[in-house]
Amino acid sequence: VKRGDIGSTGDDYAEAWIDRDGPFR
């Protein structure tokens, strides 16, 4: 996905893609 951003924006990208409860996991 090549994401990279600051603060809460970057954190939410991470939650979407690698949080065990996220939509993509």
PDB file of all heavy atoms in Angstrom:
ATOM      1  N   VAL A   1       0.807  -1.220   0.000  1.00  0.00           N
ATOM      2  CA  VAL A   1       0.000   0.000   0.000  1.00  0.00           C
ATOM      3  C   VAL A   1       0.841   1.272   0.000  1.00  0.00           C
ATOM      4  O   VAL A   1       0.337   2.350  -0.288  1.00  0.00           O
ATOM      5  CB  VAL A   1      -0.979   0.025   1.194  1.00  0.00           C
ATOM      6  CG1 VAL A   1      -2.046  -1.033   1.042  1.00  0.00           C
ATOM      7  CG2 VAL A   1      -0.244  -0.174   2.515  1.00  0.00           C
ATOM      8  N   LYS A   2       2.115   1.159   0.382  1.00  0.00           N
ATOM      9  CA  LYS A   2       3.046   2.300   0.390  1.00  0.00           C
ATOM     10  C   LYS A   2       2.453   3.520   1.069  1.00  0.00           C
ATOM     11  O   LYS A   2       2.542   4.643   0.572  1.00  0.00           O
ATOM     12  CB  LYS A   2       3.494   2.633  -1.037  1.00  0.00           C
ATOM     13  CG  LYS A   2       4.266   1.498  -1.720  1.00  0.00           C
ATOM     14  CD  LYS A   2       4.740   1.907  -3.094  1.00  0.00           C
ATOM     15  CE  LYS A   2       5.568   0.805  -3.735  1.00  0.00           C
ATOM     16  NZ  LYS A   2       4.752  -0.357  -4.143  1.00  0.00           N
ATOM     17  N   ARG A   3       1.879   3.328   2.239  1.00  0.00           N
ATOM     18  CA  ARG A   3       1.344   4.451   2.989  1.00  0.00           C
ATOM     19  C   ARG A   3       2.457   5.152   3.758  1.00  0.00           C
ATOM     20  O   ARG A   3       3.491   4.561   4.056  1.00  0.00           O
ATOM     21  CB  ARG A   3       0.276   3.966   3.977  1.00  0.00           C
ATOM     22  CG  ARG A   3      -0.935   3.297   3.327  1.00  0.00           C
ATOM     23  CD  ARG A   3      -1.725   4.279   2.483  1.00  0.00           C
ATOM     24  NE  ARG A   3      -3.029   3.732   2.137  1.00  0.00           N
ATOM     25  CZ  ARG A   3      -3.360   3.239   0.950  1.00  0.00           C
ATOM     26  NH1 ARG A   3      -2.468   3.231  -0.019  1.00  0.00           N
ATOM     27  NH2 ARG A   3      -4.578   2.770   0.722  1.00  0.00           N
ATOM     28  N   GLY A   4       2.228   6.414   4.099  1.00  0.00           N
ATOM     29  CA  GLY A   4       3.199   7.165   4.873  1.00  0.00           C
ATOM     30  C   GLY A   4       2.659   8.554   5.135  1.00  0.00           C
ATOM     31  O   GLY A   4       2.584   9.365   4.214  1.00  0.00           O
ATOM     32  N   ASP A   5       2.261   8.818   6.352  1.00  0.00           N
ATOM     33  CA  ASP A   5       1.688  10.114   6.685  1.00  0.00           C
ATOM     34  C   ASP A   5       1.952  10.402   8.152  1.00  0.00           C
ATOM     35  O   ASP A   5       2.483   9.559   8.878  1.00  0.00           O
ATOM     36  CB  ASP A   5       0.186  10.127   6.389  1.00  0.00           C
ATOM     37  CG  ASP A   5      -0.319  11.497   5.956  1.00  0.00           C
ATOM     38  OD1 ASP A   5       0.288  12.506   6.388  1.00  0.00           O
ATOM     39  OD2 ASP A   5      -1.303  11.562   5.196  1.00  0.00           O
ATOM     40  N   ILE A   6       1.558  11.585   8.598  1.00  0.00           N
ATOM     41  CA  ILE A   6       1.865  12.003   9.958  1.00  0.00           C
ATOM     42  C   ILE A   6       0.654  11.867  10.866  1.00  0.00           C
ATOM     43  O   ILE A   6      -0.495  11.852  10.418  1.00  0.00           O
ATOM     44  CB  ILE A   6       2.365  13.464   9.992  1.00  0.00           C
ATOM     45  CG1 ILE A   6       1.304  14.410   9.404  1.00  0.00           C
ATOM     46  CG2 ILE A   6       3.676  13.586   9.247  1.00  0.00           C
ATOM     47  CD1 ILE A   6       1.662  15.872   9.545  1.00  0.00           C
ATOM     48  N   GLY A   7       0.926  11.735  12.145  1.00  0.00           N
ATOM     49  CA  GLY A   7      -0.102  11.815  13.168  1.00  0.00           C
ATOM     50  C   GLY A   7      -1.218  10.811  13.008  1.00  0.00           C
ATOM     51  O   GLY A   7      -1.001   9.642  12.639  1.00  0.00           O
ATOM     52  N   SER A   8      -2.430  11.265  13.273  1.00  0.00           N
ATOM     53  CA  SER A   8      -3.588  10.369  13.282  1.00  0.00           C
ATOM     54  C   SER A   8      -3.874   9.797  11.908  1.00  0.00           C
ATOM     55  O   SER A   8      -4.426   8.698  11.788  1.00  0.00           O
ATOM     56  CB  SER A   8      -4.823  11.112  13.803  1.00  0.00           C
ATOM     57  OG  SER A   8      -5.121  12.235  12.995  1.00  0.00           O
ATOM     58  N   THR A   9      -3.489  10.512  10.842  1.00  0.00           N
ATOM     59  CA  THR A   9      -3.718   9.992   9.494  1.00  0.00           C
ATOM     60  C   THR A   9      -2.908   8.718   9.270  1.00  0.00           C
ATOM     61  O   THR A   9      -3.433   7.702   8.811  1.00  0.00           O
ATOM     62  CB  THR A   9      -3.331  11.048   8.442  1.00  0.00           C
ATOM     63  OG1 THR A   9      -3.968  12.278   8.752  1.00  0.00           O
ATOM     64  CG2 THR A   9      -3.752  10.599   7.057  1.00  0.00           C
ATOM     65  N   GLY A  10      -1.624   8.782   9.596  1.00  0.00           N
ATOM     66  CA  GLY A  10      -0.787   7.594   9.470  1.00  0.00           C
ATOM     67  C   GLY A  10      -1.255   6.475  10.371  1.00  0.00           C
ATOM     68  O   GLY A  10      -1.253   5.299   9.985  1.00  0.00           O
ATOM     69  N   ASP A  11      -1.682   6.826  11.585  1.00  0.00           N
ATOM     70  CA  ASP A  11      -2.157   5.808  12.521  1.00  0.00           C
ATOM     71  C   ASP A  11      -3.382   5.088  11.975  1.00  0.00           C
ATOM     72  O   ASP A  11      -3.529   3.867  12.117  1.00  0.00           O
ATOM     73  CB  ASP A  11      -2.490   6.436  13.875  1.00  0.00           C
ATOM     74  CG  ASP A  11      -1.252   6.982  14.588  1.00  0.00           C
ATOM     75  OD1 ASP A  11      -0.129   6.667  14.150  1.00  0.00           O
ATOM     76  OD2 ASP A  11      -1.432   7.714  15.572  1.00  0.00           O
ATOM     77  N   ASP A  12      -4.293   5.842  11.346  1.00  0.00           N
ATOM     78  CA  ASP A  12      -5.502   5.216  10.825  1.00  0.00           C
ATOM     79  C   ASP A  12      -5.224   4.348   9.602  1.00  0.00           C
ATOM     80  O   ASP A  12      -5.886   3.328   9.395  1.00  0.00           O
ATOM     81  CB  ASP A  12      -6.550   6.280  10.499  1.00  0.00           C
ATOM     82  CG  ASP A  12      -7.371   6.674  11.723  1.00  0.00           C
ATOM     83  OD1 ASP A  12      -7.028   6.215  12.830  1.00  0.00           O
ATOM     84  OD2 ASP A  12      -8.342   7.442  11.581  1.00  0.00           O
ATOM     85  N   TYR A  13      -4.243   4.737   8.782  1.00  0.00           N
ATOM     86  CA  TYR A  13      -3.841   3.834   7.709  1.00  0.00           C
ATOM     87  C   TYR A  13      -3.391   2.492   8.299  1.00  0.00           C
ATOM     88  O   TYR A  13      -3.751   1.416   7.802  1.00  0.00           O
ATOM     89  CB  TYR A  13      -2.677   4.431   6.911  1.00  0.00           C
ATOM     90  CG  TYR A  13      -3.055   5.450   5.868  1.00  0.00           C
ATOM     91  CD1 TYR A  13      -2.335   6.643   5.750  1.00  0.00           C
ATOM     92  CD2 TYR A  13      -4.104   5.231   4.984  1.00  0.00           C
ATOM     93  CE1 TYR A  13      -2.654   7.590   4.782  1.00  0.00           C
ATOM     94  CE2 TYR A  13      -4.433   6.162   4.018  1.00  0.00           C
ATOM     95  CZ  TYR A  13      -3.709   7.347   3.916  1.00  0.00           C
ATOM     96  OH  TYR A  13      -4.020   8.277   2.959  1.00  0.00           O
ATOM     97  N   ALA A  14      -2.611   2.563   9.354  1.00  0.00           N
ATOM     98  CA  ALA A  14      -2.124   1.341   9.984  1.00  0.00           C
ATOM     99  C   ALA A  14      -3.274   0.524  10.562  1.00  0.00           C
ATOM    100  O   ALA A  14      -3.301  -0.710  10.435  1.00  0.00           O
ATOM    101  CB  ALA A  14      -1.112   1.689  11.076  1.00  0.00           C
ATOM    102  N   GLU A  15      -4.228   1.196  11.209  1.00  0.00           N
ATOM    103  CA  GLU A  15      -5.368   0.465  11.767  1.00  0.00           C
ATOM    104  C   GLU A  15      -6.156  -0.246  10.679  1.00  0.00           C
ATOM    105  O   GLU A  15      -6.670  -1.344  10.888  1.00  0.00           O
ATOM    106  CB  GLU A  15      -6.269   1.420  12.547  1.00  0.00           C
ATOM    107  CG  GLU A  15      -5.674   1.842  13.879  1.00  0.00           C
ATOM    108  CD  GLU A  15      -6.653   2.615  14.740  1.00  0.00           C
ATOM    109  OE1 GLU A  15      -7.872   2.515  14.483  1.00  0.00           O
ATOM    110  OE2 GLU A  15      -6.198   3.304  15.663  1.00  0.00           O
ATOM    111  N   ALA A  16      -6.260   0.360   9.515  1.00  0.00           N
ATOM    112  CA  ALA A  16      -6.999  -0.265   8.420  1.00  0.00           C
ATOM    113  C   ALA A  16      -6.309  -1.527   7.921  1.00  0.00           C
ATOM    114  O   ALA A  16      -6.964  -2.534   7.646  1.00  0.00           O
ATOM    115  CB  ALA A  16      -7.158   0.728   7.268  1.00  0.00           C
ATOM    116  N   TRP A  17      -4.971  -1.486   7.845  1.00  0.00           N
ATOM    117  CA  TRP A  17      -4.273  -2.566   7.146  1.00  0.00           C
ATOM    118  C   TRP A  17      -3.643  -3.620   8.043  1.00  0.00           C
ATOM    119  O   TRP A  17      -3.501  -4.772   7.615  1.00  0.00           O
ATOM    120  CB  TRP A  17      -3.200  -1.960   6.227  1.00  0.00           C
ATOM    121  CG  TRP A  17      -3.835  -1.258   5.074  1.00  0.00           C
ATOM    122  CD1 TRP A  17      -4.000   0.088   4.909  1.00  0.00           C
ATOM    123  CD2 TRP A  17      -4.444  -1.866   3.930  1.00  0.00           C
ATOM    124  NE1 TRP A  17      -4.671   0.349   3.744  1.00  0.00           N
ATOM    125  CE2 TRP A  17      -4.954  -0.830   3.122  1.00  0.00           C
ATOM    126  CE3 TRP A  17      -4.608  -3.188   3.522  1.00  0.00           C
ATOM    127  CZ2 TRP A  17      -5.620  -1.067   1.927  1.00  0.00           C
ATOM    128  CZ3 TRP A  17      -5.267  -3.436   2.323  1.00  0.00           C
ATOM    129  CH2 TRP A  17      -5.761  -2.389   1.542  1.00  0.00           C
ATOM    130  N   ILE A  18      -3.253  -3.269   9.282  1.00  0.00           N
ATOM    131  CA  ILE A  18      -2.521  -4.262  10.071  1.00  0.00           C
ATOM    132  C   ILE A  18      -3.059  -4.451  11.486  1.00  0.00           C
ATOM    133  O   ILE A  18      -2.483  -5.229  12.244  1.00  0.00           O
ATOM    134  CB  ILE A  18      -1.008  -3.933  10.121  1.00  0.00           C
ATOM    135  CG1 ILE A  18      -0.753  -2.497  10.603  1.00  0.00           C
ATOM    136  CG2 ILE A  18      -0.364  -4.205   8.773  1.00  0.00           C
ATOM    137  CD1 ILE A  18       0.720  -2.150  10.750  1.00  0.00           C
ATOM    138  N   ASP A  19      -4.120  -3.760  11.860  1.00  0.00           N
ATOM    139  CA  ASP A  19      -4.753  -4.042  13.147  1.00  0.00           C
ATOM    140  C   ASP A  19      -5.477  -5.380  13.044  1.00  0.00           C
ATOM    141  O   ASP A  19      -6.145  -5.659  12.042  1.00  0.00           O
ATOM    142  CB  ASP A  19      -5.731  -2.924  13.503  1.00  0.00           C
ATOM    143  CG  ASP A  19      -6.226  -3.029  14.944  1.00  0.00           C
ATOM    144  OD1 ASP A  19      -7.001  -3.977  15.211  1.00  0.00           O
ATOM    145  OD2 ASP A  19      -5.863  -2.192  15.771  1.00  0.00           O
ATOM    146  N   ARG A  20      -5.345  -6.225  14.068  1.00  0.00           N
ATOM    147  CA  ARG A  20      -5.983  -7.548  13.996  1.00  0.00           C
ATOM    148  C   ARG A  20      -7.502  -7.463  13.899  1.00  0.00           C
ATOM    149  O   ARG A  20      -8.161  -8.413  13.463  1.00  0.00           O
ATOM    150  CB  ARG A  20      -5.565  -8.415  15.185  1.00  0.00           C
ATOM    151  CG  ARG A  20      -6.023  -7.943  16.539  1.00  0.00           C
ATOM    152  CD  ARG A  20      -5.753  -9.026  17.602  1.00  0.00           C
ATOM    153  NE  ARG A  20      -4.349  -9.355  17.706  1.00  0.00           N
ATOM    154  CZ  ARG A  20      -3.510  -8.788  18.568  1.00  0.00           C
ATOM    155  NH1 ARG A  20      -3.933  -7.831  19.375  1.00  0.00           N
ATOM    156  NH2 ARG A  20      -2.252  -9.154  18.617  1.00  0.00           N
ATOM    157  N   ASP A  21      -8.086  -6.320  14.292  1.00  0.00           N
ATOM    158  CA  ASP A  21      -9.524  -6.128  14.164  1.00  0.00           C
ATOM    159  C   ASP A  21      -9.872  -5.173  13.026  1.00  0.00           C
ATOM    160  O   ASP A  21     -11.031  -4.762  12.889  1.00  0.00           O
ATOM    161  CB  ASP A  21     -10.096  -5.575  15.476  1.00  0.00           C
ATOM    162  CG  ASP A  21      -9.920  -6.540  16.633  1.00  0.00           C
ATOM    163  OD1 ASP A  21     -10.136  -7.747  16.426  1.00  0.00           O
ATOM    164  OD2 ASP A  21      -9.548  -6.092  17.745  1.00  0.00           O
ATOM    165  N   GLY A  22      -8.901  -4.809  12.207  1.00  0.00           N
ATOM    166  CA  GLY A  22      -9.133  -3.883  11.113  1.00  0.00           C
ATOM    167  C   GLY A  22      -9.825  -4.537   9.938  1.00  0.00           C
ATOM    168  O   GLY A  22      -9.969  -5.766   9.868  1.00  0.00           O
ATOM    169  N   PRO A  23     -10.258  -3.741   8.967  1.00  0.00           N
ATOM    170  CA  PRO A  23     -11.025  -4.289   7.851  1.00  0.00           C
ATOM    171  C   PRO A  23     -10.221  -5.177   6.914  1.00  0.00           C
ATOM    172  O   PRO A  23     -10.794  -6.049   6.250  1.00  0.00           O
ATOM    173  CB  PRO A  23     -11.539  -3.038   7.128  1.00  0.00           C
ATOM    174  CG  PRO A  23     -10.607  -1.948   7.530  1.00  0.00           C
ATOM    175  CD  PRO A  23     -10.173  -2.268   8.919  1.00  0.00           C
ATOM    176  N   PHE A  24      -8.908  -4.979   6.818  1.00  0.00           N
ATOM    177  CA  PHE A  24      -8.119  -5.765   5.871  1.00  0.00           C
ATOM    178  C   PHE A  24      -7.246  -6.812   6.555  1.00  0.00           C
ATOM    179  O   PHE A  24      -7.047  -7.891   6.036  1.00  0.00           O
ATOM    180  CB  PHE A  24      -7.264  -4.830   5.008  1.00  0.00           C
ATOM    181  CG  PHE A  24      -8.094  -3.890   4.186  1.00  0.00           C
ATOM    182  CD1 PHE A  24      -8.119  -2.539   4.463  1.00  0.00           C
ATOM    183  CD2 PHE A  24      -8.889  -4.371   3.154  1.00  0.00           C
ATOM    184  CE1 PHE A  24      -8.896  -1.670   3.717  1.00  0.00           C
ATOM    185  CE2 PHE A  24      -9.680  -3.515   2.405  1.00  0.00           C
ATOM    186  CZ  PHE A  24      -9.690  -2.158   2.686  1.00  0.00           C
ATOM    187  N   ARG A  25      -6.651  -6.485   7.710  1.00  0.00           N
ATOM    188  CA  ARG A  25      -5.944  -7.458   8.538  1.00  0.00           C
ATOM    189  C   ARG A  25      -4.826  -8.176   7.793  1.00  0.00           C
ATOM    190  O   ARG A  25      -4.717  -9.397   7.820  1.00  0.00           O
ATOM    191  CB  ARG A  25      -6.910  -8.484   9.118  1.00  0.00           C
ATOM    192  CG  ARG A  25      -7.885  -7.897  10.110  1.00  0.00           C
ATOM    193  CD  ARG A  25      -8.624  -8.977  10.886  1.00  0.00           C
ATOM    194  NE  ARG A  25      -9.452  -9.806  10.041  1.00  0.00           N
ATOM    195  CZ  ARG A  25      -9.497 -11.134  10.104  1.00  0.00           C
ATOM    196  NH1 ARG A  25      -8.739 -11.794  10.963  1.00  0.00           N
ATOM    197  NH2 ARG A  25     -10.286 -11.822   9.315  1.00  0.00           N
TER     198      ARG A  25
END
